[in-house]
Amino acid sequence: MSKLALAAVAALGIAGVAMAQGMPKPTTLVDRPNATDGEKLYVEHCAMCHGPNGMGTGLLGRRVQPALLEQRSGLAAQYVIMAARRGIGNMPPITRGEVSDADLKQIADYLAAGPHGAAK
């Protein structure tokens, strides 16, 4: 078995243990098939940390309530862009190679228009 296959099997095992221990399943586009534009990009690039099961949510929850970015109001789009590009707290900077300026603007506009009920 290749190293990649072994890594995939190990990852599935870890995910299975986490779910067996009562941790919720992370949000993916499968869960939100009607997501469009900024919401879709948010789920693709941000929800793994800032969604209901994300590690970023726990750390953010120590400073801000509600911690789920989609449930927050008062997020300025320019602030989201700055925080993403520079990094903030334990969040590393998100480079243009990871998320283009145009995509980040759509994500920021989506979050600025919140709160959104999809973040349950």
N, C-alpha and C. Protein backbone atom coordinates (compact mmCIF):
# COMPACT_ATOMS: atom_id res chain seq x y z
N MET A 1 0.85 -1.18 0.00
CA MET A 1 0.00 0.00 0.00
C MET A 1 0.90 1.24 0.00
N SER A 2 0.53 2.23 -0.82
CA SER A 2 1.34 3.44 -0.93
C SER A 2 1.22 4.29 0.33
N LYS A 3 2.17 5.21 0.49
CA LYS A 3 2.14 6.12 1.64
C LYS A 3 0.88 6.97 1.63
N LEU A 4 0.46 7.40 0.44
CA LEU A 4 -0.75 8.22 0.32
C LEU A 4 -1.98 7.43 0.76
N ALA A 5 -2.05 6.17 0.35
CA ALA A 5 -3.18 5.32 0.74
C ALA A 5 -3.18 5.09 2.24
N LEU A 6 -2.00 4.86 2.81
CA LEU A 6 -1.91 4.67 4.26
C LEU A 6 -2.34 5.94 5.01
N ALA A 7 -1.93 7.09 4.50
CA ALA A 7 -2.32 8.35 5.13
C ALA A 7 -3.83 8.54 5.06
N ALA A 8 -4.44 8.19 3.93
CA ALA A 8 -5.89 8.32 3.78
C ALA A 8 -6.61 7.40 4.75
N VAL A 9 -6.15 6.17 4.89
CA VAL A 9 -6.76 5.23 5.83
C VAL A 9 -6.62 5.74 7.25
N ALA A 10 -5.47 6.28 7.60
CA ALA A 10 -5.25 6.82 8.94
C ALA A 10 -6.18 8.00 9.20
N ALA A 11 -6.32 8.89 8.21
CA ALA A 11 -7.20 10.05 8.36
C ALA A 11 -8.64 9.61 8.56
N LEU A 12 -9.08 8.63 7.80
CA LEU A 12 -10.44 8.13 7.96
C LEU A 12 -10.64 7.52 9.34
N GLY A 13 -9.63 6.84 9.82
CA GLY A 13 -9.70 6.26 11.16
C GLY A 13 -9.83 7.33 12.23
N ILE A 14 -9.06 8.39 12.12
CA ILE A 14 -9.11 9.50 13.07
C ILE A 14 -10.48 10.17 13.02
N ALA A 15 -11.00 10.41 11.81
CA ALA A 15 -12.32 11.03 11.66
C ALA A 15 -13.39 10.14 12.27
N GLY A 16 -13.27 8.84 12.05
CA GLY A 16 -14.25 7.91 12.62
C GLY A 16 -14.23 7.92 14.13
N VAL A 17 -13.05 7.99 14.73
CA VAL A 17 -12.93 8.06 16.19
C VAL A 17 -13.56 9.35 16.70
N ALA A 18 -13.29 10.46 16.02
CA ALA A 18 -13.85 11.74 16.44
C ALA A 18 -15.37 11.71 16.41
N MET A 19 -15.95 11.15 15.35
CA MET A 19 -17.41 11.08 15.26
C MET A 19 -17.97 10.14 16.30
N ALA A 20 -17.27 9.03 16.57
CA ALA A 20 -17.72 8.09 17.58
C ALA A 20 -17.70 8.72 18.97
N GLN A 21 -16.84 9.69 19.17
CA GLN A 21 -16.75 10.36 20.46
C GLN A 21 -17.73 11.53 20.58
N GLY A 22 -18.64 11.66 19.61
CA GLY A 22 -19.67 12.67 19.70
C GLY A 22 -19.36 14.00 19.06
N MET A 23 -18.23 14.12 18.36
CA MET A 23 -17.92 15.38 17.69
C MET A 23 -18.78 15.49 16.45
N PRO A 24 -19.32 16.68 16.17
CA PRO A 24 -20.15 16.83 14.97
C PRO A 24 -19.34 16.74 13.69
N LYS A 25 -20.00 16.38 12.62
CA LYS A 25 -19.38 16.30 11.30
C LYS A 25 -19.14 17.72 10.79
N PRO A 26 -18.00 17.99 10.19
CA PRO A 26 -17.74 19.34 9.68
C PRO A 26 -18.68 19.70 8.53
N THR A 27 -18.94 20.98 8.37
CA THR A 27 -19.79 21.48 7.29
C THR A 27 -19.04 21.41 5.97
N THR A 28 -19.70 20.87 4.95
CA THR A 28 -19.13 20.82 3.59
C THR A 28 -20.20 21.27 2.61
N LEU A 29 -19.83 21.39 1.35
CA LEU A 29 -20.80 21.78 0.33
C LEU A 29 -21.87 20.72 0.14
N VAL A 30 -21.60 19.49 0.53
CA VAL A 30 -22.63 18.44 0.47
C VAL A 30 -23.78 18.82 1.40
N ASP A 31 -23.46 19.43 2.53
CA ASP A 31 -24.47 19.85 3.50
C ASP A 31 -25.23 21.09 3.04
N ARG A 32 -24.63 21.87 2.17
CA ARG A 32 -25.22 23.13 1.71
C ARG A 32 -25.18 23.21 0.19
N PRO A 33 -25.92 22.33 -0.48
CA PRO A 33 -25.85 22.24 -1.94
C PRO A 33 -26.33 23.50 -2.67
N ASN A 34 -27.11 24.33 -2.01
CA ASN A 34 -27.62 25.54 -2.65
C ASN A 34 -26.76 26.77 -2.38
N ALA A 35 -25.63 26.57 -1.74
CA ALA A 35 -24.74 27.70 -1.46
C ALA A 35 -24.23 28.30 -2.76
N THR A 36 -24.21 29.62 -2.83
CA THR A 36 -23.71 30.30 -4.02
C THR A 36 -22.73 31.39 -3.63
N ASP A 37 -21.93 31.79 -4.57
CA ASP A 37 -21.03 32.93 -4.45
C ASP A 37 -20.23 32.91 -3.15
N GLY A 38 -20.35 33.97 -2.35
CA GLY A 38 -19.55 34.09 -1.14
C GLY A 38 -19.80 32.99 -0.14
N GLU A 39 -21.03 32.53 -0.02
CA GLU A 39 -21.33 31.44 0.91
C GLU A 39 -20.60 30.17 0.49
N LYS A 40 -20.64 29.85 -0.79
CA LYS A 40 -19.96 28.66 -1.29
C LYS A 40 -18.46 28.76 -1.03
N LEU A 41 -17.89 29.91 -1.31
CA LEU A 41 -16.45 30.11 -1.08
C LEU A 41 -16.12 30.03 0.41
N TYR A 42 -17.00 30.57 1.25
CA TYR A 42 -16.80 30.49 2.71
C TYR A 42 -16.75 29.01 3.14
N VAL A 43 -17.71 28.22 2.67
CA VAL A 43 -17.73 26.80 3.05
C VAL A 43 -16.48 26.10 2.55
N GLU A 44 -16.06 26.40 1.32
CA GLU A 44 -14.87 25.75 0.75
C GLU A 44 -13.58 26.13 1.47
N HIS A 45 -13.43 27.40 1.84
CA HIS A 45 -12.15 27.88 2.34
C HIS A 45 -12.10 28.20 3.83
N CYS A 46 -13.23 28.42 4.48
CA CYS A 46 -13.21 28.95 5.84
C CYS A 46 -13.92 28.06 6.87
N ALA A 47 -14.95 27.36 6.45
CA ALA A 47 -15.79 26.64 7.40
C ALA A 47 -15.05 25.53 8.14
N MET A 48 -13.98 25.01 7.53
CA MET A 48 -13.26 23.94 8.23
C MET A 48 -12.71 24.43 9.57
N CYS A 49 -12.44 25.71 9.68
CA CYS A 49 -12.00 26.26 10.96
C CYS A 49 -13.07 27.13 11.62
N HIS A 50 -13.84 27.86 10.84
CA HIS A 50 -14.77 28.83 11.40
C HIS A 50 -16.22 28.36 11.41
N GLY A 51 -16.46 27.12 11.01
CA GLY A 51 -17.80 26.55 11.08
C GLY A 51 -18.05 25.93 12.44
N PRO A 52 -19.22 25.30 12.62
CA PRO A 52 -19.60 24.76 13.93
C PRO A 52 -18.61 23.78 14.53
N ASN A 53 -17.86 23.05 13.71
CA ASN A 53 -16.94 22.05 14.23
C ASN A 53 -15.48 22.48 14.10
N GLY A 54 -15.25 23.75 13.78
CA GLY A 54 -13.89 24.18 13.47
C GLY A 54 -13.06 24.58 14.67
N MET A 55 -11.77 24.32 14.56
CA MET A 55 -10.86 24.66 15.65
C MET A 55 -10.76 26.16 15.87
N GLY A 56 -10.90 26.94 14.81
CA GLY A 56 -10.85 28.39 14.95
C GLY A 56 -12.01 28.95 15.75
N THR A 57 -13.12 28.25 15.71
CA THR A 57 -14.30 28.69 16.44
C THR A 57 -14.06 28.63 17.95
N GLY A 58 -13.42 27.59 18.42
CA GLY A 58 -13.16 27.46 19.86
C GLY A 58 -12.27 28.56 20.38
N LEU A 59 -11.23 28.87 19.63
CA LEU A 59 -10.32 29.94 20.05
C LEU A 59 -10.98 31.30 19.94
N LEU A 60 -11.72 31.51 18.86
CA LEU A 60 -12.42 32.78 18.69
C LEU A 60 -13.49 32.95 19.76
N GLY A 61 -14.11 31.85 20.15
CA GLY A 61 -15.16 31.89 21.16
C GLY A 61 -14.67 32.38 22.51
N ARG A 62 -13.38 32.35 22.76
CA ARG A 62 -12.83 32.87 24.01
C ARG A 62 -12.84 34.39 24.02
N ARG A 63 -12.91 35.00 22.81
CA ARG A 63 -12.84 36.46 22.72
C ARG A 63 -14.13 37.10 22.23
N VAL A 64 -14.89 36.40 21.39
CA VAL A 64 -16.03 37.01 20.72
C VAL A 64 -17.22 36.06 20.75
N GLN A 65 -18.39 36.61 21.03
CA GLN A 65 -19.62 35.83 20.94
C GLN A 65 -20.59 36.55 20.01
N PRO A 66 -21.25 35.86 19.11
CA PRO A 66 -21.04 34.44 18.83
C PRO A 66 -19.75 34.21 18.06
N ALA A 67 -19.14 33.08 18.28
CA ALA A 67 -17.85 32.78 17.65
C ALA A 67 -18.00 32.40 16.18
N LEU A 68 -19.11 31.78 15.82
CA LEU A 68 -19.30 31.38 14.43
C LEU A 68 -19.39 32.63 13.56
N LEU A 69 -18.47 32.77 12.60
CA LEU A 69 -18.42 33.98 11.79
C LEU A 69 -19.73 34.22 11.05
N GLU A 70 -20.39 33.18 10.59
CA GLU A 70 -21.63 33.37 9.84
C GLU A 70 -22.77 33.88 10.72
N GLN A 71 -22.67 33.72 12.01
CA GLN A 71 -23.72 34.19 12.91
C GLN A 71 -23.46 35.59 13.44
N ARG A 72 -22.31 36.16 13.11
CA ARG A 72 -21.96 37.48 13.64
C ARG A 72 -22.53 38.60 12.80
N SER A 73 -22.81 39.69 13.45
CA SER A 73 -23.19 40.91 12.75
C SER A 73 -22.07 41.92 12.98
N GLY A 74 -22.06 42.97 12.21
CA GLY A 74 -21.06 44.02 12.41
C GLY A 74 -19.67 43.70 11.89
N LEU A 75 -19.54 42.66 11.08
CA LEU A 75 -18.24 42.37 10.47
C LEU A 75 -18.10 43.21 9.21
N ALA A 76 -17.19 44.12 9.21
CA ALA A 76 -16.94 44.93 8.01
C ALA A 76 -16.17 44.09 7.00
N ALA A 77 -16.54 44.17 5.74
CA ALA A 77 -15.87 43.39 4.69
C ALA A 77 -14.37 43.68 4.67
N GLN A 78 -13.99 44.94 4.80
CA GLN A 78 -12.57 45.28 4.76
C GLN A 78 -11.81 44.66 5.94
N TYR A 79 -12.47 44.56 7.09
CA TYR A 79 -11.84 43.92 8.25
C TYR A 79 -11.59 42.43 7.98
N VAL A 80 -12.58 41.76 7.38
CA VAL A 80 -12.43 40.34 7.05
C VAL A 80 -11.25 40.14 6.11
N ILE A 81 -11.17 40.99 5.10
CA ILE A 81 -10.07 40.90 4.13
C ILE A 81 -8.73 41.12 4.81
N MET A 82 -8.63 42.14 5.64
CA MET A 82 -7.37 42.44 6.35
C MET A 82 -6.98 41.29 7.29
N ALA A 83 -7.95 40.79 8.04
CA ALA A 83 -7.66 39.70 8.98
C ALA A 83 -7.21 38.45 8.23
N ALA A 84 -7.84 38.18 7.10
CA ALA A 84 -7.47 36.99 6.33
C ALA A 84 -6.08 37.13 5.72
N ARG A 85 -5.78 38.28 5.16
CA ARG A 85 -4.49 38.46 4.48
C ARG A 85 -3.33 38.57 5.47
N ARG A 86 -3.54 39.21 6.60
CA ARG A 86 -2.45 39.39 7.57
C ARG A 86 -2.39 38.28 8.61
N GLY A 87 -3.50 37.59 8.81
CA GLY A 87 -3.59 36.65 9.91
C GLY A 87 -3.98 37.41 11.16
N ILE A 88 -4.57 36.73 12.09
CA ILE A 88 -4.98 37.39 13.34
C ILE A 88 -5.04 36.33 14.44
N GLY A 89 -4.44 36.62 15.57
CA GLY A 89 -4.40 35.64 16.64
C GLY A 89 -3.70 34.38 16.17
N ASN A 90 -4.36 33.25 16.34
CA ASN A 90 -3.80 31.96 15.91
C ASN A 90 -4.07 31.64 14.45
N MET A 91 -4.84 32.51 13.77
CA MET A 91 -5.14 32.27 12.37
C MET A 91 -3.97 32.75 11.51
N PRO A 92 -3.44 31.85 10.68
CA PRO A 92 -2.33 32.26 9.81
C PRO A 92 -2.83 33.12 8.66
N PRO A 93 -1.95 33.89 8.03
CA PRO A 93 -2.35 34.66 6.86
C PRO A 93 -2.81 33.74 5.73
N ILE A 94 -3.83 34.17 5.00
CA ILE A 94 -4.31 33.43 3.84
C ILE A 94 -3.73 34.12 2.60
N THR A 95 -2.90 33.41 1.86
CA THR A 95 -2.21 34.01 0.72
C THR A 95 -3.11 34.07 -0.52
N ARG A 96 -2.70 34.88 -1.47
CA ARG A 96 -3.44 34.99 -2.74
C ARG A 96 -3.39 33.68 -3.52
N GLY A 97 -2.37 32.87 -3.26
CA GLY A 97 -2.30 31.55 -3.89
C GLY A 97 -3.35 30.59 -3.34
N GLU A 98 -3.78 30.82 -2.11
CA GLU A 98 -4.81 29.98 -1.50
C GLU A 98 -6.21 30.47 -1.86
N VAL A 99 -6.42 31.79 -1.76
CA VAL A 99 -7.71 32.41 -2.05
C VAL A 99 -7.42 33.71 -2.80
N SER A 100 -7.95 33.83 -4.00
CA SER A 100 -7.70 35.03 -4.81
C SER A 100 -8.35 36.26 -4.16
N ASP A 101 -7.92 37.44 -4.59
CA ASP A 101 -8.51 38.68 -4.09
C ASP A 101 -10.01 38.72 -4.38
N ALA A 102 -10.40 38.32 -5.59
CA ALA A 102 -11.81 38.35 -5.97
C ALA A 102 -12.64 37.40 -5.10
N ASP A 103 -12.12 36.19 -4.85
CA ASP A 103 -12.83 35.23 -4.02
C ASP A 103 -12.91 35.72 -2.57
N LEU A 104 -11.81 36.28 -2.07
CA LEU A 104 -11.82 36.79 -0.70
C LEU A 104 -12.82 37.93 -0.55
N LYS A 105 -12.94 38.78 -1.55
CA LYS A 105 -13.93 39.86 -1.50
C LYS A 105 -15.34 39.29 -1.42
N GLN A 106 -15.62 38.23 -2.18
CA GLN A 106 -16.94 37.60 -2.11
C GLN A 106 -17.21 37.01 -0.73
N ILE A 107 -16.20 36.37 -0.14
CA ILE A 107 -16.34 35.82 1.21
C ILE A 107 -16.59 36.95 2.20
N ALA A 108 -15.80 38.02 2.10
CA ALA A 108 -15.92 39.15 3.02
C ALA A 108 -17.29 39.81 2.89
N ASP A 109 -17.76 39.99 1.68
CA ASP A 109 -19.09 40.59 1.46
C ASP A 109 -20.18 39.70 2.04
N TYR A 110 -20.03 38.39 1.87
CA TYR A 110 -21.00 37.44 2.43
C TYR A 110 -21.05 37.56 3.96
N LEU A 111 -19.88 37.56 4.60
CA LEU A 111 -19.85 37.66 6.06
C LEU A 111 -20.36 39.01 6.55
N ALA A 112 -20.03 40.08 5.83
CA ALA A 112 -20.47 41.42 6.22
C ALA A 112 -21.99 41.55 6.14
N ALA A 113 -22.64 40.75 5.30
CA ALA A 113 -24.09 40.82 5.15
C ALA A 113 -24.81 39.97 6.21
N GLY A 114 -24.06 39.36 7.13
CA GLY A 114 -24.62 38.47 8.14
C GLY A 114 -25.38 39.19 9.21
N PRO A 115 -25.94 38.48 10.13
CA PRO A 115 -25.75 37.04 10.36
C PRO A 115 -26.56 36.20 9.38
N HIS A 116 -26.06 34.98 9.20
CA HIS A 116 -26.68 34.02 8.29
C HIS A 116 -27.16 32.82 9.10
N GLY A 117 -28.34 32.36 8.82
CA GLY A 117 -28.89 31.22 9.52
C GLY A 117 -28.27 29.89 9.17
N ALA A 118 -27.47 29.85 8.10
CA ALA A 118 -26.88 28.59 7.64
C ALA A 118 -25.86 28.02 8.62
N ALA A 119 -25.40 28.83 9.54
CA ALA A 119 -24.31 28.41 10.44
C ALA A 119 -24.83 27.70 11.67
N LYS A 120 -25.63 26.68 11.49
CA LYS A 120 -26.18 25.98 12.66
C LYS A 120 -25.47 24.68 12.88
